[in-house]
């Protein structure tokens, strides 16, 4: 017969999945909140991400014509995601707004859009919330803080800068300074905010302005370019100049050279003719040598966007530190199956209460 103190210890271990009390939960990130579940980058998607039990909310930022940081992925307003309602003021020559660049629209114009009525064809189980408006970054912070009074939520925030066609977006300096100003007003510790971008110039700029903010170097087969050439996305770096033996290791070394804390590569190459590693011809972008080299350089590795468990299992076998997914509920279940410690969930009642206060 066990004594009560011994029994208490045994029960604690059993219900913690045999994880050490000091072990941090695995970094489950809801891509755009979790676009497989709800309209992406909306308060509703972030609400479901919190209820699903993500550790980190992944989201994107654009900047309006009048300098407001908004939470939106695309550099324009695509018709498959938003609908026009009415002009911001009578006779507005910019109306209709669908199809136009975020950088060419004011916040007032953007706030007229209905970005909750359309369901993306590739996400047939996506919940829609008609008449949902695009939120500012501050509005997202305010909503999450309402449901997260202990301020334990992490954020992975991407600057959507166009390195190829500069006039499509605001400048690198605008993104760094305007986003940083909102981060300071967020109510969250700056260490809770990861700053990520495909345009590595923004990472260099943010690290120079605010060294406390972790930076994540996003990269894909498209933005990496030819290893012997110079990609406009990599801040003038040429991957071929790094002495590592493989392209994956070169990418890790390049990210470290700009003082990135995190390497965030696409899991699958854009050139892969098939989507799953069990299929012949599958081409990986994230590779084991890339992960190993990043770890040697004291960087964490968080691949995206992982929506297949076969891919997730391969990445977990290689020791990645987090996974960004459109389906956080299913990915969380797989983590539990593998014995990984998962983040705590947020109260559905509390999240919905805050959503009712903050949703527009």
Protein backbone atom coordinates (compact mmCIF):
# COMPACT_ATOMS: atom_id res chain seq x y z
CA UNK A 1 0.00 0.00 0.00
CA UNK A 2 1.40 3.41 -1.03
CA UNK A 3 1.49 6.28 1.44
CA UNK A 4 -0.56 9.34 0.46
CA UNK A 5 2.47 11.49 -0.49
CA UNK A 6 3.90 8.71 -2.70
CA UNK A 7 0.50 8.09 -4.29
CA UNK A 8 0.15 11.80 -5.04
CA UNK A 9 3.49 11.83 -6.85
CA UNK A 10 2.56 8.77 -8.91
CA UNK A 11 -0.78 10.26 -9.92
CA UNK A 12 0.85 13.56 -10.86
CA UNK A 13 3.25 11.75 -13.18
CA UNK A 14 0.48 9.71 -14.74
CA UNK A 15 -1.66 12.72 -15.55
CA UNK A 16 1.22 14.78 -16.88
CA UNK A 17 2.06 12.20 -19.54
CA UNK A 18 5.24 11.35 -17.61
CA UNK A 19 6.64 14.79 -18.51
CA UNK A 20 9.01 16.58 -16.21
CA UNK A 21 7.34 19.55 -14.43
CA UNK A 22 10.01 21.83 -15.92
CA UNK A 23 9.50 20.56 -19.46
CA UNK A 24 7.91 23.17 -21.68
CA UNK A 25 4.89 22.21 -23.79
CA UNK A 26 5.72 21.49 -27.41
CA UNK A 27 5.19 24.56 -29.58
CA UNK A 28 1.90 23.91 -31.33
CA UNK A 29 1.18 26.92 -33.56
CA UNK A 30 -2.19 27.65 -35.14
CA UNK A 31 -1.50 28.89 -38.69
CA UNK A 32 -3.46 32.12 -39.19
CA UNK A 33 -5.19 31.05 -36.00
CA UNK A 34 -6.14 27.71 -37.56
CA UNK A 35 -7.58 28.31 -41.02
CA UNK A 36 -8.77 24.74 -41.31
CA UNK A 37 -11.25 25.57 -38.55
CA UNK A 38 -12.44 29.15 -39.21
CA UNK A 39 -11.95 32.21 -41.43
CA UNK A 40 -8.23 32.86 -41.30
CA UNK A 41 -6.63 35.68 -39.32
CA UNK A 42 -9.94 36.66 -37.70
CA UNK A 43 -10.81 36.87 -34.02
CA UNK A 44 -12.89 33.72 -34.54
CA UNK A 45 -9.90 31.75 -35.80
CA UNK A 46 -7.79 32.94 -32.86
CA UNK A 47 -10.62 32.05 -30.48
CA UNK A 48 -10.75 28.48 -31.75
CA UNK A 49 -6.95 28.29 -31.64
CA UNK A 50 -7.04 29.17 -27.95
CA UNK A 51 -9.83 26.67 -27.27
CA UNK A 52 -7.94 24.00 -29.24
CA UNK A 53 -4.96 24.56 -26.98
CA UNK A 54 -2.25 26.10 -29.13
CA UNK A 55 0.86 27.45 -27.50
CA UNK A 56 1.37 30.12 -30.16
CA UNK A 57 -1.00 32.05 -32.41
CA UNK A 58 0.57 32.52 -35.84
CA UNK A 59 -0.69 35.53 -37.80
CA UNK A 60 0.18 38.01 -40.52
CA UNK A 61 0.41 41.79 -40.73
CA UNK A 62 -0.18 44.30 -43.46
CA UNK A 63 -0.07 48.10 -43.18
CA UNK A 64 -2.78 50.37 -44.51
CA UNK A 65 -2.41 53.57 -46.51
CA UNK A 66 -2.87 55.56 -43.30
CA UNK A 67 -0.27 53.57 -41.39
CA UNK A 68 -2.37 51.15 -39.33
CA UNK A 69 -1.10 47.60 -38.71
CA UNK A 70 -3.84 45.13 -39.64
CA UNK A 71 -4.00 41.35 -39.33
CA UNK A 72 -4.21 39.97 -42.85
CA UNK A 73 -2.18 37.54 -44.93
CA UNK A 74 -2.53 38.76 -48.51
CA UNK A 75 -1.01 41.92 -49.87
CA UNK A 76 -4.40 42.65 -51.46
CA UNK A 77 -8.08 41.83 -50.82
CA UNK A 78 -8.88 38.60 -52.72
CA UNK A 79 -12.50 37.94 -53.77
CA UNK A 80 -12.37 34.38 -52.45
CA UNK A 81 -11.92 35.74 -48.91
CA UNK A 82 -13.81 39.03 -48.73
CA UNK A 83 -16.87 40.79 -50.12
CA UNK A 84 -17.55 44.48 -50.59
CA UNK A 85 -20.47 45.96 -48.67
CA UNK A 86 -20.65 49.74 -49.08
CA UNK A 87 -18.14 52.55 -49.58
CA UNK A 88 -16.47 54.16 -46.58
CA UNK A 89 -18.04 57.46 -47.66
CA UNK A 90 -20.44 58.43 -50.45
CA UNK A 91 -18.81 58.64 -53.84
CA UNK A 92 -15.51 57.05 -52.75
CA UNK A 93 -13.58 56.68 -56.04
CA UNK A 94 -11.66 53.68 -54.64
CA UNK A 95 -14.84 51.63 -54.22
CA UNK A 96 -15.13 48.66 -54.72
CA UNK A 97 -12.19 47.67 -52.54
CA UNK A 98 -11.93 43.93 -53.29
CA UNK A 99 -8.89 43.31 -55.46
CA UNK A 100 -6.98 46.36 -54.25
CA UNK A 101 -3.73 46.43 -52.26
CA UNK A 102 -3.83 46.80 -48.47
CA UNK A 103 -1.20 49.55 -48.82
CA UNK A 104 -3.56 51.56 -51.03
CA UNK A 105 -6.60 51.39 -48.73
CA UNK A 106 -7.29 53.24 -45.48
CA UNK A 107 -8.42 51.51 -42.33
CA UNK A 108 -11.90 53.00 -42.75
CA UNK A 109 -12.15 51.48 -46.24
CA UNK A 110 -10.88 48.10 -45.06
CA UNK A 111 -13.32 48.05 -42.15
CA UNK A 112 -16.27 48.05 -44.58
CA UNK A 113 -15.30 44.61 -45.95
CA UNK A 114 -17.09 41.39 -45.04
CA UNK A 115 -14.26 38.86 -44.62
CA UNK A 116 -16.23 36.17 -42.84
CA UNK A 117 -18.81 34.96 -45.35
CA UNK A 118 -16.56 33.07 -47.77
CA UNK A 119 -15.34 29.50 -47.17
CA UNK A 120 -12.07 28.63 -48.88
CA UNK A 121 -12.47 25.74 -51.31
CA UNK A 122 -9.36 23.99 -50.00
CA UNK A 123 -10.73 24.05 -46.44
CA UNK A 124 -14.22 22.54 -46.71
CA UNK A 125 -14.66 22.21 -42.93
CA UNK A 126 -13.85 25.87 -42.31
CA UNK A 127 -16.46 27.62 -40.17
CA UNK A 128 -17.57 30.96 -41.58
CA UNK A 129 -18.70 33.99 -39.61
CA UNK A 130 -20.55 36.42 -41.92
CA UNK A 131 -19.85 40.14 -41.64
CA UNK A 132 -16.56 39.61 -39.80
CA UNK A 133 -14.19 42.53 -40.27
CA UNK A 134 -10.42 42.61 -40.63
CA UNK A 135 -8.89 43.43 -37.23
CA UNK A 136 -6.03 45.71 -36.34
CA UNK A 137 -3.11 44.09 -34.56
CA UNK A 138 -3.99 46.00 -31.39
CA UNK A 139 -7.55 44.66 -31.55
CA UNK A 140 -6.19 41.10 -31.70
CA UNK A 141 -3.94 41.72 -28.71
CA UNK A 142 -6.88 43.21 -26.77
CA UNK A 143 -9.10 40.21 -27.51
CA UNK A 144 -6.48 37.61 -26.63
CA UNK A 145 -5.51 39.44 -23.44
CA UNK A 146 -9.17 39.40 -22.35
CA UNK A 147 -9.20 35.59 -22.50
CA UNK A 148 -5.60 35.29 -21.30
CA UNK A 149 -5.30 37.45 -18.15
CA UNK A 150 -2.08 35.66 -17.15
CA UNK A 151 -0.49 36.72 -20.47
CA UNK A 152 0.90 33.28 -21.26
CA UNK A 153 -0.11 33.17 -24.94
CA UNK A 154 2.72 33.46 -27.47
CA UNK A 155 2.43 35.18 -30.84
CA UNK A 156 4.28 34.51 -34.10
CA UNK A 157 3.70 37.61 -36.21
CA UNK A 158 4.72 37.86 -39.84
CA UNK A 159 5.46 41.07 -41.72
CA UNK A 160 4.05 40.75 -45.23
CA UNK A 161 6.61 42.80 -47.12
CA UNK A 162 7.00 42.28 -50.86
CA UNK A 163 10.73 42.10 -51.56
CA UNK A 164 10.18 41.67 -55.30
CA UNK A 165 7.63 44.42 -56.06
CA UNK A 166 8.14 47.11 -53.40
CA UNK A 167 5.11 49.21 -54.37
CA UNK A 168 2.80 46.33 -53.41
CA UNK A 169 3.37 46.96 -49.70
CA UNK A 170 4.65 49.56 -47.28
CA UNK A 171 8.42 49.70 -46.81
CA UNK A 172 10.63 47.58 -44.57
CA UNK A 173 11.18 50.56 -42.25
CA UNK A 174 7.43 51.14 -42.01
CA UNK A 175 6.80 47.53 -41.03
CA UNK A 176 9.54 47.43 -38.42
CA UNK A 177 8.71 50.74 -36.73
CA UNK A 178 4.91 50.53 -36.90
CA UNK A 179 4.72 46.90 -35.78
CA UNK A 180 7.21 47.54 -32.99
CA UNK A 181 5.07 50.41 -31.69
CA UNK A 182 2.06 48.08 -31.43
CA UNK A 183 4.16 45.37 -29.77
CA UNK A 184 5.10 47.88 -27.06
CA UNK A 185 1.43 48.67 -26.43
CA UNK A 186 0.27 45.05 -26.60
CA UNK A 187 0.28 44.33 -22.87
CA UNK A 188 2.50 41.30 -23.52
CA UNK A 189 6.16 40.83 -22.71
CA UNK A 190 8.20 41.34 -25.88
CA UNK A 191 9.68 37.88 -25.38
CA UNK A 192 6.17 36.49 -26.01
CA UNK A 193 6.23 37.91 -29.53
CA UNK A 194 8.14 36.23 -32.34
CA UNK A 195 8.78 38.45 -35.37
CA UNK A 196 8.94 36.46 -38.59
CA UNK A 197 9.31 37.30 -42.27
CA UNK A 198 10.35 35.92 -45.64
CA UNK A 199 11.99 39.28 -46.23
CA UNK A 200 15.07 38.97 -44.06
CA UNK A 201 15.70 42.73 -44.22
CA UNK A 202 12.84 43.17 -41.76
CA UNK A 203 14.41 40.68 -39.36
CA UNK A 204 17.68 42.58 -39.40
CA UNK A 205 15.78 45.82 -38.83
CA UNK A 206 13.73 44.50 -35.93
CA UNK A 207 16.73 42.87 -34.25
CA UNK A 208 18.62 46.19 -34.45
CA UNK A 209 15.67 48.11 -33.04
CA UNK A 210 14.59 45.61 -30.36
CA UNK A 211 17.05 42.79 -29.60
CA UNK A 212 14.67 41.28 -27.02
CA UNK A 213 12.18 40.20 -29.71
CA UNK A 214 12.94 36.71 -31.08
CA UNK A 215 13.16 36.69 -34.87
CA UNK A 216 12.22 33.82 -37.16
CA UNK A 217 13.70 33.44 -40.64
CA UNK A 218 10.97 32.19 -42.96
CA UNK A 219 12.18 30.48 -46.12
CA UNK A 220 10.82 28.29 -48.90
CA UNK A 221 12.02 26.85 -52.18
CA UNK A 222 10.68 29.99 -53.87
CA UNK A 223 12.40 32.54 -51.63
CA UNK A 224 15.67 30.61 -51.25
CA UNK A 225 16.34 30.92 -54.96
CA UNK A 226 19.34 29.30 -56.61
CA UNK A 227 22.04 28.40 -54.11
CA UNK A 228 24.62 30.07 -56.36
CA UNK A 229 22.52 33.19 -56.90
CA UNK A 230 21.19 36.03 -54.76
CA UNK A 231 17.54 36.01 -53.77
CA UNK A 232 15.84 39.37 -53.10
CA UNK A 233 14.26 37.81 -50.01
CA UNK A 234 17.51 37.03 -48.18
CA UNK A 235 18.83 40.54 -47.50
CA UNK A 236 21.62 40.24 -50.08
CA UNK A 237 22.99 36.93 -48.78
CA UNK A 238 24.15 34.27 -51.22
CA UNK A 239 23.63 30.78 -49.85
CA UNK A 240 26.53 29.45 -51.92
CA UNK A 241 28.96 31.55 -49.89
CA UNK A 242 28.35 29.47 -46.78
CA UNK A 243 30.79 26.54 -46.52
CA UNK A 244 28.35 23.89 -45.30
CA UNK A 245 28.16 20.59 -47.18
CA UNK A 246 24.44 20.65 -47.99
CA UNK A 247 21.90 23.25 -49.10
CA UNK A 248 19.85 22.64 -45.94
CA UNK A 249 22.83 23.35 -43.70
CA UNK A 250 23.70 26.45 -45.74
CA UNK A 251 20.20 27.80 -45.13
CA UNK A 252 20.60 27.30 -41.38
CA UNK A 253 23.96 29.06 -41.38
CA UNK A 254 22.57 31.95 -43.43
CA UNK A 255 19.72 32.43 -40.96
CA UNK A 256 22.19 32.43 -38.07
CA UNK A 257 24.29 35.06 -39.81
CA UNK A 258 21.44 37.58 -39.49
CA UNK A 259 21.06 36.68 -35.79
CA UNK A 260 17.77 34.85 -36.28
CA UNK A 261 16.67 32.92 -33.20
CA UNK A 262 14.41 30.58 -35.16
CA UNK A 263 14.61 28.93 -38.56
CA UNK A 264 11.12 28.50 -40.02
CA UNK A 265 11.32 26.59 -43.31
CA UNK A 266 8.56 25.22 -45.50
CA UNK A 267 8.18 21.52 -44.77
CA UNK A 268 7.61 20.63 -48.43
CA UNK A 269 9.38 21.97 -51.49
CA UNK A 270 7.23 23.96 -53.87
CA UNK A 271 8.68 21.74 -56.59
CA UNK A 272 7.32 18.52 -55.06
CA UNK A 273 4.93 16.79 -57.50
CA UNK A 274 3.22 14.92 -54.64
CA UNK A 275 2.14 16.11 -51.17
CA UNK A 276 3.03 13.19 -48.89
CA UNK A 277 6.40 11.64 -47.97
CA UNK A 278 4.98 8.14 -48.50
CA UNK A 279 4.54 8.90 -52.21
CA UNK A 280 7.24 8.39 -54.82
CA UNK A 281 8.81 11.63 -55.97
CA UNK A 282 8.12 13.59 -52.78
CA UNK A 283 10.57 16.48 -52.35
CA UNK A 284 11.34 17.84 -48.89
CA UNK A 285 12.38 21.40 -48.24
CA UNK A 286 13.03 20.93 -44.53
CA UNK A 287 15.71 18.25 -44.19
CA UNK A 288 17.33 16.50 -41.26
CA UNK A 289 20.69 18.14 -42.00
CA UNK A 290 18.98 21.54 -41.95
CA UNK A 291 17.45 20.80 -38.54
CA UNK A 292 20.71 19.41 -37.16
CA UNK A 293 22.76 22.39 -38.34
CA UNK A 294 20.26 24.87 -36.92
CA UNK A 295 20.43 23.11 -33.57
CA UNK A 296 24.23 23.17 -33.67
CA UNK A 297 23.94 26.94 -34.13
CA UNK A 298 21.56 27.20 -31.13
CA UNK A 299 18.51 28.06 -33.22
CA UNK A 300 15.11 26.42 -32.84
CA UNK A 301 13.34 25.00 -35.90
CA UNK A 302 9.62 25.50 -36.54
CA UNK A 303 8.48 24.28 -39.99
CA UNK A 304 5.24 25.27 -41.74
CA UNK A 305 2.51 24.57 -42.85
CA UNK A 306 2.23 20.98 -41.67
CA UNK A 307 -1.22 19.54 -42.39
CA UNK A 308 -0.27 15.87 -42.84
CA UNK A 309 0.59 13.58 -39.95
CA UNK A 310 3.10 11.65 -42.08
CA UNK A 311 5.05 14.88 -42.52
CA UNK A 312 4.63 15.79 -38.85
CA UNK A 313 5.96 12.40 -37.72
CA UNK A 314 9.04 12.75 -39.91
CA UNK A 315 9.75 16.24 -38.57
CA UNK A 316 9.20 15.14 -34.98
CA UNK A 317 11.59 12.23 -35.49
CA UNK A 318 14.20 14.78 -36.55
CA UNK A 319 13.67 16.80 -33.37
CA UNK A 320 11.99 20.00 -34.58
CA UNK A 321 10.97 22.39 -31.81
CA UNK A 322 7.50 23.33 -33.04
CA UNK A 323 5.02 22.86 -35.86
CA UNK A 324 2.77 25.40 -37.59
CA UNK A 325 -0.48 23.82 -38.77
CA UNK A 326 -3.92 24.70 -40.12
CA UNK A 327 -5.40 21.90 -37.99
CA UNK A 328 -4.25 22.39 -34.38
CA UNK A 329 -6.89 20.05 -32.91
CA UNK A 330 -5.74 17.02 -34.90
CA UNK A 331 -2.06 17.89 -34.54
CA UNK A 332 -2.45 18.21 -30.78
CA UNK A 333 -3.93 14.69 -30.65
CA UNK A 334 -0.90 13.35 -32.52
CA UNK A 335 1.46 15.09 -30.13
CA UNK A 336 -0.38 13.43 -27.23
CA UNK A 337 -0.13 10.04 -28.93
CA UNK A 338 3.63 10.51 -29.17
CA UNK A 339 3.89 11.43 -25.50
CA UNK A 340 4.70 15.10 -26.05
CA UNK A 341 3.58 17.58 -23.46
CA UNK A 342 0.85 19.78 -24.93
CA UNK A 343 -0.12 23.33 -23.92
CA UNK A 344 -3.10 23.92 -21.62
CA UNK A 345 -6.40 24.81 -23.27
CA UNK A 346 -8.21 28.06 -22.65
CA UNK A 347 -11.73 28.08 -21.21
CA UNK A 348 -14.29 27.98 -24.01
CA UNK A 349 -16.71 30.01 -21.93
CA UNK A 350 -14.14 32.73 -21.21
CA UNK A 351 -12.93 32.85 -24.82
CA UNK A 352 -16.47 33.19 -26.17
CA UNK A 353 -17.28 35.84 -23.56
CA UNK A 354 -14.31 37.88 -24.75
CA UNK A 355 -15.18 37.22 -28.39
CA UNK A 356 -18.65 38.67 -27.80
CA UNK A 357 -17.02 41.83 -26.40
CA UNK A 358 -14.42 42.27 -29.12
CA UNK A 359 -15.80 40.79 -32.37
CA UNK A 360 -16.85 43.33 -35.01
